[in-house]
Amino acid sequence: RTDSLMQGLVVDGRLLEEDELAEGMTVEVTLVNNRSDVKFKDVVVAIK
């Protein structure tokens, strides 16, 4: 049941284009709960 519920939490991300002077990288992260029978607590996202 937990595995099935966890499938409902969709995490996605994309690199945002930066201007040449900006240092580092900015990632736009999107979180979506695709299920109505679950709520998520303590969400941790990993960016590798």
ModelCIF file with pLDDT and N, C-alpha, C, O atoms, coordinates in Angstrom:
data_MODEL
#
_entry.id   MODEL 
#
_entity.id                         1 
_entity.type                       polymer 
_entity.pdbx_number_of_molecules   1 
#
_entity_poly.entity_id                      1 
_entity_poly.type                           'polypeptide(L)' 
_entity_poly.nstd_linkage                   no 
_entity_poly.nstd_monomer                   no 
_entity_poly.pdbx_seq_one_letter_code       RTDSLMQGLVVDGRLLEEDELAEGMTVEVTLVNNRSDVKFKDVVVAIK 
_entity_poly.pdbx_seq_one_letter_code_can   RTDSLMQGLVVDGRLLEEDELAEGMTVEVTLVNNRSDVKFKDVVVAIK 
_entity_poly.pdbx_strand_id                 A 
#
loop_
_entity_poly_seq.entity_id 
_entity_poly_seq.num 
_entity_poly_seq.mon_id 
_entity_poly_seq.hetero 
1 1  ARG n 
1 2  THR n 
1 3  ASP n 
1 4  SER n 
1 5  LEU n 
1 6  MET n 
1 7  GLN n 
1 8  GLY n 
1 9  LEU n 
1 10 VAL n 
1 11 VAL n 
1 12 ASP n 
1 13 GLY n 
1 14 ARG n 
1 15 LEU n 
1 16 LEU n 
1 17 GLU n 
1 18 GLU n 
1 19 ASP n 
1 20 GLU n 
1 21 LEU n 
1 22 ALA n 
1 23 GLU n 
1 24 GLY n 
1 25 MET n 
1 26 THR n 
1 27 VAL n 
1 28 GLU n 
1 29 VAL n 
1 30 THR n 
1 31 LEU n 
1 32 VAL n 
1 33 ASN n 
1 34 ASN n 
1 35 ARG n 
1 36 SER n 
1 37 ASP n 
1 38 VAL n 
1 39 LYS n 
1 40 PHE n 
1 41 LYS n 
1 42 ASP n 
1 43 VAL n 
1 44 VAL n 
1 45 VAL n 
1 46 ALA n 
1 47 ILE n 
1 48 LYS n 
#
_struct_asym.id          A 
_struct_asym.entity_id   1 
#
loop_
_ma_qa_metric.id 
_ma_qa_metric.mode 
_ma_qa_metric.name 
_ma_qa_metric.software_group_id 
_ma_qa_metric.type 
1 global pLDDT . pLDDT 
2 local  pLDDT . pLDDT 
#
_ma_qa_metric_global.metric_id      1 
_ma_qa_metric_global.metric_value   90.27 
_ma_qa_metric_global.model_id       1 
_ma_qa_metric_global.ordinal_id     1 
#
loop_
_ma_qa_metric_local.label_asym_id 
_ma_qa_metric_local.label_comp_id 
_ma_qa_metric_local.label_seq_id 
_ma_qa_metric_local.metric_id 
_ma_qa_metric_local.metric_value 
_ma_qa_metric_local.model_id 
_ma_qa_metric_local.ordinal_id 
A ARG 1  2 95.00 1 1  
A THR 2  2 94.00 1 2  
A ASP 3  2 94.00 1 3  
A SER 4  2 94.00 1 4  
A LEU 5  2 95.00 1 5  
A MET 6  2 95.00 1 6  
A GLN 7  2 94.00 1 7  
A GLY 8  2 94.00 1 8  
A LEU 9  2 96.00 1 9  
A VAL 10 2 96.00 1 10 
A VAL 11 2 96.00 1 11 
A ASP 12 2 96.00 1 12 
A GLY 13 2 95.00 1 13 
A ARG 14 2 93.00 1 14 
A LEU 15 2 91.00 1 15 
A LEU 16 2 87.00 1 16 
A GLU 17 2 77.00 1 17 
A GLU 18 2 69.00 1 18 
A ASP 19 2 57.00 1 19 
A GLU 20 2 60.00 1 20 
A LEU 21 2 60.00 1 21 
A ALA 22 2 66.00 1 22 
A GLU 23 2 77.00 1 23 
A GLY 24 2 82.00 1 24 
A MET 25 2 89.00 1 25 
A THR 26 2 91.00 1 26 
A VAL 27 2 93.00 1 27 
A GLU 28 2 95.00 1 28 
A VAL 29 2 96.00 1 29 
A THR 30 2 96.00 1 30 
A LEU 31 2 96.00 1 31 
A VAL 32 2 96.00 1 32 
A ASN 33 2 96.00 1 33 
A ASN 34 2 95.00 1 34 
A ARG 35 2 94.00 1 35 
A SER 36 2 93.00 1 36 
A ASP 37 2 93.00 1 37 
A VAL 38 2 94.00 1 38 
A LYS 39 2 95.00 1 39 
A PHE 40 2 96.00 1 40 
A LYS 41 2 96.00 1 41 
A ASP 42 2 96.00 1 42 
A VAL 43 2 97.00 1 43 
A VAL 44 2 97.00 1 44 
A VAL 45 2 97.00 1 45 
A ALA 46 2 97.00 1 46 
A ILE 47 2 96.00 1 47 
A LYS 48 2 96.00 1 48 
#
loop_
_atom_site.group_PDB 
_atom_site.id 
_atom_site.type_symbol 
_atom_site.label_atom_id 
_atom_site.label_alt_id 
_atom_site.label_comp_id 
_atom_site.label_asym_id 
_atom_site.label_entity_id 
_atom_site.label_seq_id 
_atom_site.pdbx_PDB_ins_code 
_atom_site.Cartn_x 
_atom_site.Cartn_y 
_atom_site.Cartn_z 
_atom_site.occupancy 
_atom_site.B_iso_or_equiv 
_atom_site.pdbx_formal_charge 
_atom_site.auth_seq_id 
_atom_site.auth_comp_id 
_atom_site.auth_asym_id 
_atom_site.auth_atom_id 
_atom_site.pdbx_PDB_model_num 
ATOM 1   N N  . ARG A 1 1  ? 0.842  -1.197 0.000   1.00 95.00 ? 1  ARG A N  1 
ATOM 2   C CA . ARG A 1 1  ? 0.000  0.000  0.000   1.00 95.00 ? 1  ARG A CA 1 
ATOM 3   C C  . ARG A 1 1  ? 0.882  1.254  0.000   1.00 95.00 ? 1  ARG A C  1 
ATOM 4   O O  . ARG A 1 1  ? 0.623  2.198  -0.746  1.00 95.00 ? 1  ARG A O  1 
ATOM 5   N N  . THR A 1 2  ? 1.912  1.257  0.830   1.00 94.00 ? 2  THR A N  1 
ATOM 6   C CA . THR A 1 2  ? 2.825  2.402  0.892   1.00 94.00 ? 2  THR A CA 1 
ATOM 7   C C  . THR A 1 2  ? 3.523  2.604  -0.453  1.00 94.00 ? 2  THR A C  1 
ATOM 8   O O  . THR A 1 2  ? 3.628  3.730  -0.938  1.00 94.00 ? 2  THR A O  1 
ATOM 9   N N  . ASP A 1 3  ? 4.002  1.503  -1.058  1.00 94.00 ? 3  ASP A N  1 
ATOM 10  C CA . ASP A 1 3  ? 4.641  1.599  -2.376  1.00 94.00 ? 3  ASP A CA 1 
ATOM 11  C C  . ASP A 1 3  ? 3.681  2.203  -3.392  1.00 94.00 ? 3  ASP A C  1 
ATOM 12  O O  . ASP A 1 3  ? 4.055  3.069  -4.183  1.00 94.00 ? 3  ASP A O  1 
ATOM 13  N N  . SER A 1 4  ? 2.447  1.733  -3.356  1.00 94.00 ? 4  SER A N  1 
ATOM 14  C CA . SER A 1 4  ? 1.422  2.227  -4.283  1.00 94.00 ? 4  SER A CA 1 
ATOM 15  C C  . SER A 1 4  ? 1.157  3.718  -4.046  1.00 94.00 ? 4  SER A C  1 
ATOM 16  O O  . SER A 1 4  ? 1.057  4.493  -4.998  1.00 94.00 ? 4  SER A O  1 
ATOM 17  N N  . LEU A 1 5  ? 1.044  4.111  -2.782  1.00 95.00 ? 5  LEU A N  1 
ATOM 18  C CA . LEU A 1 5  ? 0.799  5.523  -2.446  1.00 95.00 ? 5  LEU A CA 1 
ATOM 19  C C  . LEU A 1 5  ? 1.969  6.394  -2.889  1.00 95.00 ? 5  LEU A C  1 
ATOM 20  O O  . LEU A 1 5  ? 1.771  7.493  -3.407  1.00 95.00 ? 5  LEU A O  1 
ATOM 21  N N  . MET A 1 6  ? 3.199  5.896  -2.682  1.00 95.00 ? 6  MET A N  1 
ATOM 22  C CA . MET A 1 6  ? 4.388  6.676  -3.035  1.00 95.00 ? 6  MET A CA 1 
ATOM 23  C C  . MET A 1 6  ? 4.455  6.958  -4.543  1.00 95.00 ? 6  MET A C  1 
ATOM 24  O O  . MET A 1 6  ? 5.038  7.956  -4.968  1.00 95.00 ? 6  MET A O  1 
ATOM 25  N N  . GLN A 1 7  ? 3.850  6.064  -5.349  1.00 94.00 ? 7  GLN A N  1 
ATOM 26  C CA . GLN A 1 7  ? 3.822  6.292  -6.802  1.00 94.00 ? 7  GLN A CA 1 
ATOM 27  C C  . GLN A 1 7  ? 3.062  7.580  -7.126  1.00 94.00 ? 7  GLN A C  1 
ATOM 28  O O  . GLN A 1 7  ? 3.258  8.177  -8.184  1.00 94.00 ? 7  GLN A O  1 
ATOM 29  N N  . GLY A 1 8  ? 2.194  7.998  -6.204  1.00 94.00 ? 8  GLY A N  1 
ATOM 30  C CA . GLY A 1 8  ? 1.400  9.206  -6.418  1.00 94.00 ? 8  GLY A CA 1 
ATOM 31  C C  . GLY A 1 8  ? 2.201  10.494 -6.311  1.00 94.00 ? 8  GLY A C  1 
ATOM 32  O O  . GLY A 1 8  ? 1.775  11.536 -6.808  1.00 94.00 ? 8  GLY A O  1 
ATOM 33  N N  . LEU A 1 9  ? 3.365  10.426 -5.659  1.00 96.00 ? 9  LEU A N  1 
ATOM 34  C CA . LEU A 1 9  ? 4.191  11.627 -5.495  1.00 96.00 ? 9  LEU A CA 1 
ATOM 35  C C  . LEU A 1 9  ? 5.169  11.718 -6.661  1.00 96.00 ? 9  LEU A C  1 
ATOM 36  O O  . LEU A 1 9  ? 6.137  10.962 -6.745  1.00 96.00 ? 9  LEU A O  1 
ATOM 37  N N  . VAL A 1 10 ? 4.891  12.659 -7.554  1.00 96.00 ? 10 VAL A N  1 
ATOM 38  C CA . VAL A 1 10 ? 5.737  12.817 -8.739  1.00 96.00 ? 10 VAL A CA 1 
ATOM 39  C C  . VAL A 1 10 ? 6.673  14.006 -8.518  1.00 96.00 ? 10 VAL A C  1 
ATOM 40  O O  . VAL A 1 10 ? 6.242  15.102 -8.161  1.00 96.00 ? 10 VAL A O  1 
ATOM 41  N N  . VAL A 1 11 ? 7.962  13.757 -8.739  1.00 96.00 ? 11 VAL A N  1 
ATOM 42  C CA . VAL A 1 11 ? 8.978  14.796 -8.587  1.00 96.00 ? 11 VAL A CA 1 
ATOM 43  C C  . VAL A 1 11 ? 9.671  14.958 -9.928  1.00 96.00 ? 11 VAL A C  1 
ATOM 44  O O  . VAL A 1 11 ? 10.098 13.978 -10.539 1.00 96.00 ? 11 VAL A O  1 
ATOM 45  N N  . ASP A 1 12 ? 9.780  16.196 -10.381 1.00 96.00 ? 12 ASP A N  1 
ATOM 46  C CA . ASP A 1 12 ? 10.439 16.461 -11.654 1.00 96.00 ? 12 ASP A CA 1 
ATOM 47  C C  . ASP A 1 12 ? 11.269 17.735 -11.512 1.00 96.00 ? 12 ASP A C  1 
ATOM 48  O O  . ASP A 1 12 ? 11.029 18.550 -10.620 1.00 96.00 ? 12 ASP A O  1 
ATOM 49  N N  . GLY A 1 13 ? 12.225 17.892 -12.381 1.00 95.00 ? 13 GLY A N  1 
ATOM 50  C CA . GLY A 1 13 ? 13.035 19.103 -12.315 1.00 95.00 ? 13 GLY A CA 1 
ATOM 51  C C  . GLY A 1 13 ? 13.680 19.402 -13.646 1.00 95.00 ? 13 GLY A C  1 
ATOM 52  O O  . GLY A 1 13 ? 13.930 18.510 -14.456 1.00 95.00 ? 13 GLY A O  1 
ATOM 53  N N  . ARG A 1 14 ? 13.944 20.680 -13.854 1.00 93.00 ? 14 ARG A N  1 
ATOM 54  C CA . ARG A 1 14 ? 14.638 21.065 -15.095 1.00 93.00 ? 14 ARG A CA 1 
ATOM 55  C C  . ARG A 1 14 ? 15.579 22.224 -14.782 1.00 93.00 ? 14 ARG A C  1 
ATOM 56  O O  . ARG A 1 14 ? 15.340 23.031 -13.884 1.00 93.00 ? 14 ARG A O  1 
ATOM 57  N N  . LEU A 1 15 ? 16.643 22.271 -15.550 1.00 91.00 ? 15 LEU A N  1 
ATOM 58  C CA . LEU A 1 15 ? 17.635 23.330 -15.392 1.00 91.00 ? 15 LEU A CA 1 
ATOM 59  C C  . LEU A 1 15 ? 17.095 24.599 -16.040 1.00 91.00 ? 15 LEU A C  1 
ATOM 60  O O  . LEU A 1 15 ? 16.642 24.576 -17.185 1.00 91.00 ? 15 LEU A O  1 
ATOM 61  N N  . LEU A 1 16 ? 17.144 25.701 -15.306 1.00 87.00 ? 16 LEU A N  1 
ATOM 62  C CA . LEU A 1 16 ? 16.707 26.980 -15.870 1.00 87.00 ? 16 LEU A CA 1 
ATOM 63  C C  . LEU A 1 16 ? 17.888 27.636 -16.570 1.00 87.00 ? 16 LEU A C  1 
ATOM 64  O O  . LEU A 1 16 ? 19.014 27.601 -16.075 1.00 87.00 ? 16 LEU A O  1 
ATOM 65  N N  . GLU A 1 17 ? 17.620 28.230 -17.722 1.00 77.00 ? 17 GLU A N  1 
ATOM 66  C CA . GLU A 1 17 ? 18.682 28.944 -18.445 1.00 77.00 ? 17 GLU A CA 1 
ATOM 67  C C  . GLU A 1 17 ? 19.040 30.187 -17.643 1.00 77.00 ? 17 GLU A C  1 
ATOM 68  O O  . GLU A 1 17 ? 18.168 30.948 -17.223 1.00 77.00 ? 17 GLU A O  1 
ATOM 69  N N  . GLU A 1 18 ? 20.319 30.374 -17.445 1.00 69.00 ? 18 GLU A N  1 
ATOM 70  C CA . GLU A 1 18 ? 20.798 31.525 -16.673 1.00 69.00 ? 18 GLU A CA 1 
ATOM 71  C C  . GLU A 1 18 ? 21.498 32.511 -17.604 1.00 69.00 ? 18 GLU A C  1 
ATOM 72  O O  . GLU A 1 18 ? 21.907 32.152 -18.708 1.00 69.00 ? 18 GLU A O  1 
ATOM 73  N N  . ASP A 1 19 ? 21.630 33.745 -17.153 1.00 57.00 ? 19 ASP A N  1 
ATOM 74  C CA . ASP A 1 19 ? 22.438 34.674 -17.946 1.00 57.00 ? 19 ASP A CA 1 
ATOM 75  C C  . ASP A 1 19 ? 23.909 34.328 -17.706 1.00 57.00 ? 19 ASP A C  1 
ATOM 76  O O  . ASP A 1 19 ? 24.240 33.680 -16.712 1.00 57.00 ? 19 ASP A O  1 
ATOM 77  N N  . GLU A 1 20 ? 24.767 34.746 -18.590 1.00 60.00 ? 20 GLU A N  1 
ATOM 78  C CA . GLU A 1 20 ? 26.179 34.353 -18.577 1.00 60.00 ? 20 GLU A CA 1 
ATOM 79  C C  . GLU A 1 20 ? 26.890 34.719 -17.272 1.00 60.00 ? 20 GLU A C  1 
ATOM 80  O O  . GLU A 1 20 ? 27.816 34.020 -16.862 1.00 60.00 ? 20 GLU A O  1 
ATOM 81  N N  . LEU A 1 21 ? 26.472 35.797 -16.621 1.00 60.00 ? 21 LEU A N  1 
ATOM 82  C CA . LEU A 1 21 ? 27.170 36.263 -15.425 1.00 60.00 ? 21 LEU A CA 1 
ATOM 83  C C  . LEU A 1 21 ? 26.801 35.470 -14.160 1.00 60.00 ? 21 LEU A C  1 
ATOM 84  O O  . LEU A 1 21 ? 27.556 35.452 -13.188 1.00 60.00 ? 21 LEU A O  1 
ATOM 85  N N  . ALA A 1 22 ? 25.648 34.824 -14.187 1.00 66.00 ? 22 ALA A N  1 
ATOM 86  C CA . ALA A 1 22 ? 25.194 34.097 -12.987 1.00 66.00 ? 22 ALA A CA 1 
ATOM 87  C C  . ALA A 1 22 ? 26.107 32.904 -12.716 1.00 66.00 ? 22 ALA A C  1 
ATOM 88  O O  . ALA A 1 22 ? 26.491 32.177 -13.632 1.00 66.00 ? 22 ALA A O  1 
ATOM 89  N N  . GLU A 1 23 ? 26.436 32.721 -11.483 1.00 77.00 ? 23 GLU A N  1 
ATOM 90  C CA . GLU A 1 23 ? 27.275 31.577 -11.116 1.00 77.00 ? 23 GLU A CA 1 
ATOM 91  C C  . GLU A 1 23 ? 26.393 30.448 -10.616 1.00 77.00 ? 23 GLU A C  1 
ATOM 92  O O  . GLU A 1 23 ? 25.356 30.685 -9.995  1.00 77.00 ? 23 GLU A O  1 
ATOM 93  N N  . GLY A 1 24 ? 26.807 29.230 -10.888 1.00 82.00 ? 24 GLY A N  1 
ATOM 94  C CA . GLY A 1 24 ? 26.071 28.070 -10.405 1.00 82.00 ? 24 GLY A CA 1 
ATOM 95  C C  . GLY A 1 24 ? 24.919 27.691 -11.319 1.00 82.00 ? 24 GLY A C  1 
ATOM 96  O O  . GLY A 1 24 ? 24.836 28.122 -12.468 1.00 82.00 ? 24 GLY A O  1 
ATOM 97  N N  . MET A 1 25 ? 24.038 26.875 -10.774 1.00 89.00 ? 25 MET A N  1 
ATOM 98  C CA . MET A 1 25 ? 22.924 26.334 -11.537 1.00 89.00 ? 25 MET A CA 1 
ATOM 99  C C  . MET A 1 25 ? 21.632 26.494 -10.738 1.00 89.00 ? 25 MET A C  1 
ATOM 100 O O  . MET A 1 25 ? 21.607 26.302 -9.522  1.00 89.00 ? 25 MET A O  1 
ATOM 101 N N  . THR A 1 26 ? 20.566 26.849 -11.443 1.00 91.00 ? 26 THR A N  1 
ATOM 102 C CA . THR A 1 26 ? 19.253 26.940 -10.803 1.00 91.00 ? 26 THR A CA 1 
ATOM 103 C C  . THR A 1 26 ? 18.351 25.863 -11.393 1.00 91.00 ? 26 THR A C  1 
ATOM 104 O O  . THR A 1 26 ? 18.209 25.741 -12.610 1.00 91.00 ? 26 THR A O  1 
ATOM 105 N N  . VAL A 1 27 ? 17.757 25.098 -10.510 1.00 93.00 ? 27 VAL A N  1 
ATOM 106 C CA . VAL A 1 27 ? 16.865 24.018 -10.930 1.00 93.00 ? 27 VAL A CA 1 
ATOM 107 C C  . VAL A 1 27 ? 15.448 24.369 -10.502 1.00 93.00 ? 27 VAL A C  1 
ATOM 108 O O  . VAL A 1 27 ? 15.199 24.769 -9.365  1.00 93.00 ? 27 VAL A O  1 
ATOM 109 N N  . GLU A 1 28 ? 14.524 24.206 -11.449 1.00 95.00 ? 28 GLU A N  1 
ATOM 110 C CA . GLU A 1 28 ? 13.114 24.387 -11.115 1.00 95.00 ? 28 GLU A CA 1 
ATOM 111 C C  . GLU A 1 28 ? 12.544 23.002 -10.812 1.00 95.00 ? 28 GLU A C  1 
ATOM 112 O O  . GLU A 1 28 ? 12.533 22.117 -11.668 1.00 95.00 ? 28 GLU A O  1 
ATOM 113 N N  . VAL A 1 29 ? 12.079 22.837 -9.591  1.00 96.00 ? 29 VAL A N  1 
ATOM 114 C CA . VAL A 1 29 ? 11.562 21.546 -9.143  1.00 96.00 ? 29 VAL A CA 1 
ATOM 115 C C  . VAL A 1 29 ? 10.039 21.601 -9.102  1.00 96.00 ? 29 VAL A C  1 
ATOM 116 O O  . VAL A 1 29 ? 9.451  22.580 -8.642  1.00 96.00 ? 29 VAL A O  1 
ATOM 117 N N  . THR A 1 30 ? 9.415  20.540 -9.587  1.00 96.00 ? 30 THR A N  1 
ATOM 118 C CA . THR A 1 30 ? 7.961  20.437 -9.560  1.00 96.00 ? 30 THR A CA 1 
ATOM 119 C C  . THR A 1 30 ? 7.566  19.209 -8.750  1.00 96.00 ? 30 THR A C  1 
ATOM 120 O O  . THR A 1 30 ? 8.045  18.102 -8.995  1.00 96.00 ? 30 THR A O  1 
ATOM 121 N N  . LEU A 1 31 ? 6.684  19.429 -7.781  1.00 96.00 ? 31 LEU A N  1 
ATOM 122 C CA . LEU A 1 31 ? 6.124  18.333 -6.979  1.00 96.00 ? 31 LEU A CA 1 
ATOM 123 C C  . LEU A 1 31 ? 4.636  18.252 -7.268  1.00 96.00 ? 31 LEU A C  1 
ATOM 124 O O  . LEU A 1 31 ? 3.949  19.273 -7.300  1.00 96.00 ? 31 LEU A O  1 
ATOM 125 N N  . VAL A 1 32 ? 4.132  17.032 -7.479  1.00 96.00 ? 32 VAL A N  1 
ATOM 126 C CA . VAL A 1 32 ? 2.696  16.848 -7.683  1.00 96.00 ? 32 VAL A CA 1 
ATOM 127 C C  . VAL A 1 32 ? 2.248  15.580 -6.962  1.00 96.00 ? 32 VAL A C  1 
ATOM 128 O O  . VAL A 1 32 ? 2.897  14.536 -7.032  1.00 96.00 ? 32 VAL A O  1 
ATOM 129 N N  . ASN A 1 33 ? 1.123  15.704 -6.270  1.00 96.00 ? 33 ASN A N  1 
ATOM 130 C CA . ASN A 1 33 ? 0.478  14.530 -5.692  1.00 96.00 ? 33 ASN A CA 1 
ATOM 131 C C  . ASN A 1 33 ? -0.629 14.135 -6.672  1.00 96.00 ? 33 ASN A C  1 
ATOM 132 O O  . ASN A 1 33 ? -1.615 14.855 -6.829  1.00 96.00 ? 33 ASN A O  1 
ATOM 133 N N  . ASN A 1 34 ? -0.455 12.988 -7.328  1.00 95.00 ? 34 ASN A N  1 
ATOM 134 C CA . ASN A 1 34 ? -1.429 12.545 -8.330  1.00 95.00 ? 34 ASN A CA 1 
ATOM 135 C C  . ASN A 1 34 ? -2.585 11.730 -7.752  1.00 95.00 ? 34 ASN A C  1 
ATOM 136 O O  . ASN A 1 34 ? -3.434 11.248 -8.501  1.00 95.00 ? 34 ASN A O  1 
ATOM 137 N N  . ARG A 1 35 ? -2.626 11.573 -6.436  1.00 94.00 ? 35 ARG A N  1 
ATOM 138 C CA . ARG A 1 35 ? -3.677 10.755 -5.826  1.00 94.00 ? 35 ARG A CA 1 
ATOM 139 C C  . ARG A 1 35 ? -4.472 11.549 -4.811  1.00 94.00 ? 35 ARG A C  1 
ATOM 140 O O  . ARG A 1 35 ? -3.931 12.404 -4.109  1.00 94.00 ? 35 ARG A O  1 
ATOM 141 N N  . SER A 1 36 ? -5.772 11.259 -4.738  1.00 93.00 ? 36 SER A N  1 
ATOM 142 C CA . SER A 1 36 ? -6.632 11.969 -3.778  1.00 93.00 ? 36 SER A CA 1 
ATOM 143 C C  . SER A 1 36 ? -6.745 11.215 -2.448  1.00 93.00 ? 36 SER A C  1 
ATOM 144 O O  . SER A 1 36 ? -7.303 11.738 -1.483  1.00 93.00 ? 36 SER A O  1 
ATOM 145 N N  . ASP A 1 37 ? -6.215 9.984  -2.397  1.00 93.00 ? 37 ASP A N  1 
ATOM 146 C CA . ASP A 1 37 ? -6.351 9.186  -1.174  1.00 93.00 ? 37 ASP A CA 1 
ATOM 147 C C  . ASP A 1 37 ? -5.107 9.232  -0.290  1.00 93.00 ? 37 ASP A C  1 
ATOM 148 O O  . ASP A 1 37 ? -4.936 8.394  0.594   1.00 93.00 ? 37 ASP A O  1 
ATOM 149 N N  . VAL A 1 38 ? -4.229 10.227 -0.536  1.00 94.00 ? 38 VAL A N  1 
ATOM 150 C CA . VAL A 1 38 ? -3.007 10.314 0.257   1.00 94.00 ? 38 VAL A CA 1 
ATOM 151 C C  . VAL A 1 38 ? -2.532 11.762 0.358   1.00 94.00 ? 38 VAL A C  1 
ATOM 152 O O  . VAL A 1 38 ? -2.726 12.569 -0.551  1.00 94.00 ? 38 VAL A O  1 
ATOM 153 N N  . LYS A 1 39 ? -1.903 12.064 1.495   1.00 95.00 ? 39 LYS A N  1 
ATOM 154 C CA . LYS A 1 39 ? -1.187 13.336 1.662   1.00 95.00 ? 39 LYS A CA 1 
ATOM 155 C C  . LYS A 1 39 ? 0.245  12.959 2.031   1.00 95.00 ? 39 LYS A C  1 
ATOM 156 O O  . LYS A 1 39 ? 0.486  11.906 2.622   1.00 95.00 ? 39 LYS A O  1 
ATOM 157 N N  . PHE A 1 40 ? 1.187  13.824 1.680   1.00 96.00 ? 40 PHE A N  1 
ATOM 158 C CA . PHE A 1 40 ? 2.595  13.514 1.953   1.00 96.00 ? 40 PHE A CA 1 
ATOM 159 C C  . PHE A 1 40 ? 3.176  14.485 2.959   1.00 96.00 ? 40 PHE A C  1 
ATOM 160 O O  . PHE A 1 40 ? 3.013  15.700 2.847   1.00 96.00 ? 40 PHE A O  1 
ATOM 161 N N  . LYS A 1 41 ? 3.857  13.924 3.945   1.00 96.00 ? 41 LYS A N  1 
ATOM 162 C CA . LYS A 1 41 ? 4.544  14.725 4.958   1.00 96.00 ? 41 LYS A CA 1 
ATOM 163 C C  . LYS A 1 41 ? 6.047  14.510 4.799   1.00 96.00 ? 41 LYS A C  1 
ATOM 164 O O  . LYS A 1 41 ? 6.487  13.495 4.258   1.00 96.00 ? 41 LYS A O  1 
ATOM 165 N N  . ASP A 1 42 ? 6.828  15.478 5.276   1.00 96.00 ? 42 ASP A N  1 
ATOM 166 C CA . ASP A 1 42 ? 8.293  15.374 5.303   1.00 96.00 ? 42 ASP A CA 1 
ATOM 167 C C  . ASP A 1 42 ? 8.886  15.000 3.945   1.00 96.00 ? 42 ASP A C  1 
ATOM 168 O O  . ASP A 1 42 ? 9.706  14.087 3.851   1.00 96.00 ? 42 ASP A O  1 
ATOM 169 N N  . VAL A 1 43 ? 8.472  15.704 2.901   1.00 97.00 ? 43 VAL A N  1 
ATOM 170 C CA . VAL A 1 43 ? 8.984  15.418 1.557   1.00 97.00 ? 43 VAL A CA 1 
ATOM 171 C C  . VAL A 1 43 ? 10.418 15.939 1.438   1.00 97.00 ? 43 VAL A C  1 
ATOM 172 O O  . VAL A 1 43 ? 10.702 17.094 1.755   1.00 97.00 ? 43 VAL A O  1 
ATOM 173 N N  . VAL A 1 44 ? 11.310 15.069 0.977   1.00 97.00 ? 44 VAL A N  1 
ATOM 174 C CA . VAL A 1 44 ? 12.700 15.450 0.730   1.00 97.00 ? 44 VAL A CA 1 
ATOM 175 C C  . VAL A 1 44 ? 13.015 15.128 -0.734  1.00 97.00 ? 44 VAL A C  1 
ATOM 176 O O  . VAL A 1 44 ? 12.797 14.011 -1.201  1.00 97.00 ? 44 VAL A O  1 
ATOM 177 N N  . VAL A 1 45 ? 13.527 16.127 -1.436  1.00 97.00 ? 45 VAL A N  1 
ATOM 178 C CA . VAL A 1 45 ? 13.884 15.981 -2.849  1.00 97.00 ? 45 VAL A CA 1 
ATOM 179 C C  . VAL A 1 45 ? 15.408 15.932 -2.949  1.00 97.00 ? 45 VAL A C  1 
ATOM 180 O O  . VAL A 1 45 ? 16.108 16.676 -2.263  1.00 97.00 ? 45 VAL A O  1 
ATOM 181 N N  . ALA A 1 46 ? 15.911 15.052 -3.808  1.00 97.00 ? 46 ALA A N  1 
ATOM 182 C CA . ALA A 1 46 ? 17.358 14.971 -4.033  1.00 97.00 ? 46 ALA A CA 1 
ATOM 183 C C  . ALA A 1 46 ? 17.664 15.519 -5.421  1.00 97.00 ? 46 ALA A C  1 
ATOM 184 O O  . ALA A 1 46 ? 16.997 15.181 -6.399  1.00 97.00 ? 46 ALA A O  1 
ATOM 185 N N  . ILE A 1 47 ? 18.674 16.363 -5.490  1.00 96.00 ? 47 ILE A N  1 
ATOM 186 C CA . ILE A 1 47 ? 19.162 16.837 -6.792  1.00 96.00 ? 47 ILE A CA 1 
ATOM 187 C C  . ILE A 1 47 ? 20.598 16.334 -6.898  1.00 96.00 ? 47 ILE A C  1 
ATOM 188 O O  . ILE A 1 47 ? 21.459 16.686 -6.092  1.00 96.00 ? 47 ILE A O  1 
ATOM 189 N N  . LYS A 1 48 ? 20.835 15.503 -7.912  1.00 96.00 ? 48 LYS A N  1 
ATOM 190 C CA . LYS A 1 48 ? 22.168 14.940 -8.118  1.00 96.00 ? 48 LYS A CA 1 
ATOM 191 C C  . LYS A 1 48 ? 22.814 15.636 -9.312  1.00 96.00 ? 48 LYS A C  1 
ATOM 192 O O  . LYS A 1 48 ? 23.948 15.320 -9.672  1.00 96.00 ? 48 LYS A O  1 
#
